[in-house]
Protein backbone atom coordinates (compact mmCIF):
# COMPACT_ATOMS: atom_id res chain seq x y z
CA MET A 1 -3.04 23.76 12.95
CA ARG A 2 -3.60 20.02 12.54
CA ILE A 3 -4.25 17.70 15.48
CA ASP A 4 -0.65 16.43 15.46
CA GLY A 5 0.99 19.70 14.43
CA ARG A 6 1.76 18.69 10.85
CA SER A 7 1.58 21.01 7.87
CA VAL A 8 -1.42 20.52 5.59
CA ASP A 9 0.77 18.69 3.06
CA GLY A 10 2.84 16.70 5.57
CA LEU A 11 2.94 12.92 5.85
CA ARG A 12 2.70 11.24 9.22
CA PRO A 13 5.97 9.79 10.61
CA LEU A 14 6.73 6.77 8.43
CA SER A 15 8.79 3.64 8.93
CA LEU A 16 9.19 0.47 6.88
CA THR A 17 10.82 -2.51 8.59
CA PRO A 18 11.65 -5.24 6.04
CA GLY A 19 12.12 -8.86 7.10
CA PHE A 20 9.76 -8.44 10.03
CA THR A 21 8.75 -12.11 9.87
CA LYS A 22 10.85 -15.12 8.85
CA GLN A 23 8.40 -17.57 7.30
CA ALA A 24 6.99 -15.47 4.46
CA LEU A 25 9.16 -14.98 1.39
CA GLY A 26 8.84 -11.23 1.76
CA SER A 27 7.63 -9.18 4.72
CA VAL A 28 7.55 -5.65 6.02
CA LEU A 29 5.97 -3.82 8.93
CA ILE A 30 4.77 -0.41 7.84
CA ALA A 31 3.99 2.25 10.42
CA THR A 32 2.48 5.57 9.43
CA GLY A 33 1.58 7.60 12.46
CA GLU A 34 -0.30 5.27 14.80
CA THR A 35 -1.38 2.96 11.96
CA ARG A 36 0.62 -0.26 11.74
CA VAL A 37 0.19 -2.98 9.12
CA LEU A 38 2.10 -6.25 8.76
CA CYS A 39 2.47 -7.06 5.06
CA THR A 40 3.72 -10.45 3.87
CA ALA A 41 4.17 -12.00 0.42
CA SER A 42 3.96 -15.76 -0.06
CA VAL A 43 4.40 -17.74 -3.27
CA GLU A 44 2.32 -20.63 -4.58
CA SER A 45 3.30 -22.87 -7.50
CA ARG A 46 -0.13 -22.70 -9.09
CA THR A 47 -2.40 -20.12 -10.62
CA PRO A 48 -6.19 -19.68 -10.68
CA PRO A 49 -7.82 -22.29 -12.96
CA TRP A 50 -9.30 -19.57 -15.18
CA LEU A 51 -5.89 -17.99 -15.89
CA GLN A 52 -4.68 -19.06 -19.34
CA SER A 53 -1.13 -17.70 -19.21
CA GLY A 54 1.33 -15.92 -16.94
CA GLY A 55 1.14 -15.64 -13.17
CA TRP A 56 -1.14 -13.94 -10.69
CA ILE A 57 -0.98 -11.61 -7.68
CA THR A 58 -3.74 -11.27 -5.14
CA ALA A 59 -4.16 -9.78 -1.69
CA GLU A 60 -5.98 -10.43 1.54
CA TYR A 61 -6.72 -7.70 4.08
CA ALA A 62 -7.85 -8.02 7.66
CA MET A 63 -8.03 -5.78 10.69
CA LEU A 64 -7.11 -7.63 13.86
CA PRO A 65 -9.80 -7.33 16.56
CA GLY A 66 -7.49 -5.41 18.89
CA ALA A 67 -6.52 -2.91 16.19
CA THR A 68 -9.46 -0.70 17.15
CA SER A 69 -11.30 0.33 20.29
CA PRO A 70 -13.80 -1.06 21.01
CA ARG A 71 -12.67 -4.51 19.86
CA GLY A 72 -13.48 -5.30 16.25
CA ASN A 73 -14.97 -8.42 14.69
CA ARG A 74 -12.52 -11.06 13.47
CA LYS A 75 -14.84 -12.04 10.60
CA SER A 76 -14.21 -10.11 7.40
CA GLY A 77 -17.03 -8.13 5.84
CA GLY A 78 -17.78 -6.25 2.66
CA ARG A 79 -15.40 -3.41 3.51
CA ASP A 80 -12.49 -5.82 3.91
CA LYS A 81 -13.29 -7.50 0.58
CA GLU A 82 -13.44 -4.15 -1.19
CA ILE A 83 -10.09 -3.10 0.30
CA GLN A 84 -8.31 -6.34 -0.58
CA ARG A 85 -9.54 -6.07 -4.17
CA LEU A 86 -8.05 -2.55 -4.30
CA ILE A 87 -4.74 -3.81 -2.93
CA GLY A 88 -4.66 -6.69 -5.42
CA ARG A 89 -5.42 -4.43 -8.40
CA SER A 90 -2.73 -1.99 -7.29
CA LEU A 91 -0.05 -4.65 -6.90
CA ARG A 92 -0.86 -6.24 -10.26
CA ALA A 93 -0.25 -2.84 -11.86
CA ALA A 94 3.34 -3.08 -10.59
CA VAL A 95 4.18 -6.40 -12.27
CA ASP A 96 4.19 -7.86 -15.78
CA LEU A 97 2.10 -10.93 -14.98
CA GLU A 98 3.09 -12.64 -18.24
CA ARG A 99 6.65 -12.85 -16.90
CA LEU A 100 5.60 -14.21 -13.49
CA VAL A 101 6.38 -17.71 -14.74
CA GLY A 102 8.88 -20.24 -13.42
CA PRO A 103 10.37 -23.38 -14.99
CA ASP A 104 7.22 -25.33 -14.13
CA GLY A 105 4.64 -22.70 -15.07
CA GLY A 106 2.93 -19.67 -13.66
CA LEU A 107 3.35 -18.57 -10.05
CA SER A 108 0.85 -16.93 -7.72
CA ILE A 109 1.87 -14.51 -5.00
CA VAL A 110 -0.49 -13.78 -2.13
CA CYS A 111 0.10 -10.54 -0.23
CA ASP A 112 -1.47 -10.54 3.24
CA CYS A 113 -2.08 -7.20 4.91
CA ASP A 114 -2.97 -7.49 8.59
CA VAL A 115 -3.74 -4.27 10.42
CA ILE A 116 -2.21 -4.41 13.90
CA GLU A 117 -3.26 -0.90 14.89
CA ALA A 118 -5.66 1.37 13.01
CA ASP A 119 -5.57 5.17 13.03
CA GLY A 120 -6.69 5.97 9.52
CA GLY A 121 -5.19 5.23 6.11
CA THR A 122 -5.00 1.45 6.56
CA ARG A 123 -5.72 0.66 2.91
CA THR A 124 -3.13 3.07 1.57
CA ALA A 125 -0.53 1.91 4.09
CA SER A 126 -1.29 -1.68 3.07
CA ILE A 127 -0.60 -0.93 -0.59
CA THR A 128 2.65 0.93 0.16
CA GLY A 129 3.90 -1.80 2.50
CA ALA A 130 2.68 -4.75 0.43
CA TRP A 131 4.63 -3.59 -2.59
CA VAL A 132 7.86 -3.71 -0.56
CA ALA A 133 7.05 -7.24 0.65
CA LEU A 134 6.21 -8.23 -2.93
CA GLU A 135 9.43 -6.77 -4.31
CA ILE A 136 11.50 -8.63 -1.70
CA ALA A 137 9.73 -11.86 -2.65
CA LEU A 138 10.30 -11.31 -6.39
CA ARG A 139 14.01 -10.66 -5.88
CA LYS A 140 14.31 -13.88 -3.86
CA LEU A 141 12.50 -15.85 -6.57
CA VAL A 142 14.94 -14.55 -9.17
CA ALA A 143 17.94 -15.32 -6.93
CA ALA A 144 16.65 -18.86 -6.36
CA GLY A 145 16.13 -19.48 -10.08
CA ARG A 146 12.36 -19.78 -9.78
CA LEU A 147 12.04 -16.77 -12.07
CA SER A 148 14.41 -16.26 -15.00
CA GLU A 149 13.93 -12.47 -14.92
CA HIS A 150 12.45 -9.88 -12.63
CA PRO A 151 8.86 -9.17 -13.76
CA GLY A 152 8.51 -5.81 -12.04
CA ILE A 153 7.31 -2.77 -13.98
CA ALA A 154 7.47 0.00 -11.36
CA PRO A 155 6.91 0.55 -7.63
CA ILE A 156 3.43 1.28 -6.30
CA ALA A 157 2.49 3.51 -3.36
CA ALA A 158 -0.70 5.09 -2.07
CA VAL A 159 -1.84 7.88 0.24
CA SER A 160 -5.05 9.44 1.49
CA VAL A 161 -6.08 13.06 1.02
CA GLY A 162 -9.14 14.82 2.36
CA VAL A 163 -10.93 18.08 2.87
CA VAL A 164 -11.46 18.73 6.58
CA GLU A 165 -12.83 21.68 8.50
CA VAL A 166 -9.89 23.27 10.33
CA GLU A 167 -10.75 26.22 12.58
CA GLY A 168 -14.00 26.67 10.65
CA LYS A 169 -12.35 26.63 7.23
CA PRO A 170 -12.21 23.72 4.75
CA GLU A 171 -8.60 22.64 4.21
CA VAL A 172 -7.04 20.05 1.94
CA LEU A 173 -5.00 17.71 4.18
CA LEU A 174 -2.59 14.93 3.24
CA ASP A 175 -2.42 11.52 4.96
CA LEU A 176 -5.40 11.74 7.30
CA CYS A 177 -5.34 10.25 10.77
CA TYR A 178 -8.59 8.77 12.09
CA GLN A 179 -9.79 11.93 13.82
CA GLU A 180 -9.36 13.87 10.59
CA ASP A 181 -10.80 11.13 8.40
CA SER A 182 -13.91 10.81 10.56
CA ARG A 183 -14.64 14.52 10.03
CA ALA A 184 -13.70 14.69 6.35
CA VAL A 185 -16.00 16.55 3.97
CA VAL A 186 -14.19 14.89 1.06
CA ASP A 187 -12.22 11.64 1.21
CA LEU A 188 -9.76 10.57 -1.49
CA ASN A 189 -7.41 7.59 -1.78
CA VAL A 190 -4.79 7.83 -4.51
CA VAL A 191 -2.62 5.00 -5.88
CA MET A 192 0.32 5.86 -8.12
CA ARG A 193 3.03 3.96 -9.92
CA GLY A 194 6.55 5.36 -9.87
CA ASN A 195 8.04 6.00 -13.30
CA GLU A 196 11.15 7.69 -14.56
CA GLY A 197 10.60 11.40 -14.27
CA GLY A 198 7.53 11.15 -12.04
CA ALA A 199 4.57 8.98 -11.18
CA GLY A 200 1.42 7.88 -12.96
CA LEU A 201 -2.05 7.39 -11.56
CA VAL A 202 -3.25 3.82 -11.08
CA GLU A 203 -6.48 4.35 -9.15
CA ILE A 204 -8.41 7.14 -7.47
CA GLN A 205 -11.20 6.53 -4.97
CA GLY A 206 -12.95 9.76 -4.05
CA THR A 207 -16.18 10.64 -2.30
CA GLY A 208 -17.89 13.82 -1.24
CA GLU A 209 -18.87 12.56 2.20
CA ARG A 210 -20.94 15.63 3.10
CA GLY A 211 -21.50 17.33 -0.23
CA ASP A 212 -19.75 17.90 -3.53
CA PHE A 213 -16.31 19.35 -4.32
CA SER A 214 -14.88 21.44 -7.13
CA ARG A 215 -12.41 20.60 -9.87
CA PRO A 216 -9.80 23.01 -8.41
CA THR A 217 -10.13 21.23 -5.05
CA LEU A 218 -9.61 17.86 -6.76
CA ASP A 219 -6.53 19.22 -8.54
CA ARG A 220 -5.09 20.46 -5.24
CA MET A 221 -5.77 17.09 -3.62
CA LEU A 222 -4.00 15.27 -6.45
CA ASP A 223 -1.04 17.67 -6.20
CA PHE A 224 -0.76 16.87 -2.48
CA ALA A 225 -1.05 13.13 -3.18
CA GLU A 226 1.62 13.17 -5.88
CA ALA A 227 4.10 15.01 -3.65
CA GLY A 228 3.37 12.66 -0.74
CA ILE A 229 3.72 9.55 -2.87
CA ALA A 230 7.10 10.78 -4.13
CA GLN A 231 8.24 10.68 -0.49
CA LEU A 232 6.73 7.21 -0.02
CA LEU A 233 8.57 5.91 -3.09
CA THR A 234 11.84 7.19 -1.63
CA ALA A 235 11.09 5.44 1.67
CA GLN A 236 10.37 2.21 -0.22
CA ARG A 237 13.73 2.39 -2.00
CA GLU A 238 15.51 2.94 1.31
CA ALA A 239 13.71 -0.02 2.89
CA LEU A 240 14.71 -2.27 -0.01
CA ALA A 241 18.32 -1.11 0.26
CA ALA A 242 18.24 -2.01 3.96
CA ALA A 243 16.78 -5.42 3.15
CA LEU A 244 19.52 -6.06 0.58
CA ALA A 245 22.24 -5.03 3.02
CA ALA A 246 20.80 -7.38 5.64
CA GLU A 247 20.81 -10.26 3.13
CA GLU A 248 24.44 -9.57 2.25
CA ARG A 249 25.43 -9.60 5.93
CA ARG A 250 23.75 -12.99 6.39
CA ALA A 251 25.38 -14.44 3.26
């Protein structure tokens, strides 16, 4: 039995609240268990000076001091930089950057992921939520004529999987909370892109925290991740449908 009573392959309770803030072009609050991340997408009419064509997508990640106990440090460190690079890579896999171009040239979109409350899985929640904020922003850019066509390729979502000792026996568990993650023998973060007929791997980050792990264990972890991400992709679609309905009511 898991700490919160879930099955070994069960996701934590999930909610995606689009339009959580007004100023950013796209925003969503994602809550997965006790982890909450505010994801926003903002557009800039310029691209990095080294970029020769197309547009660009990047991300910034921060954990607010009060997101953990004891209080965290507001200054970002190496872990934050590594996570925001992962988020940026994941989001760029969802978009054809060559088509992220407006009438006056390439556009840049910055996706900010601010962890309000941390209970494990903050990087994977950030990716799942940031894609929704990004998609809302892209649709608004098309509607406003700043993009002639939607540059999206496919949705992106991510989830954690781990091997944790449960009642003295190693078990593969999906979507680890902090108490599980802190005891994990193996820790895996999986990013996948939704495609017709299934999903394709974008990135896998895996570590044997307290030893090695077998190929069959890795296969089981990936099976769990793929099934969990299928549920996350469905939740993303529902959140976008809610965002569209809200826009239509305001129109």
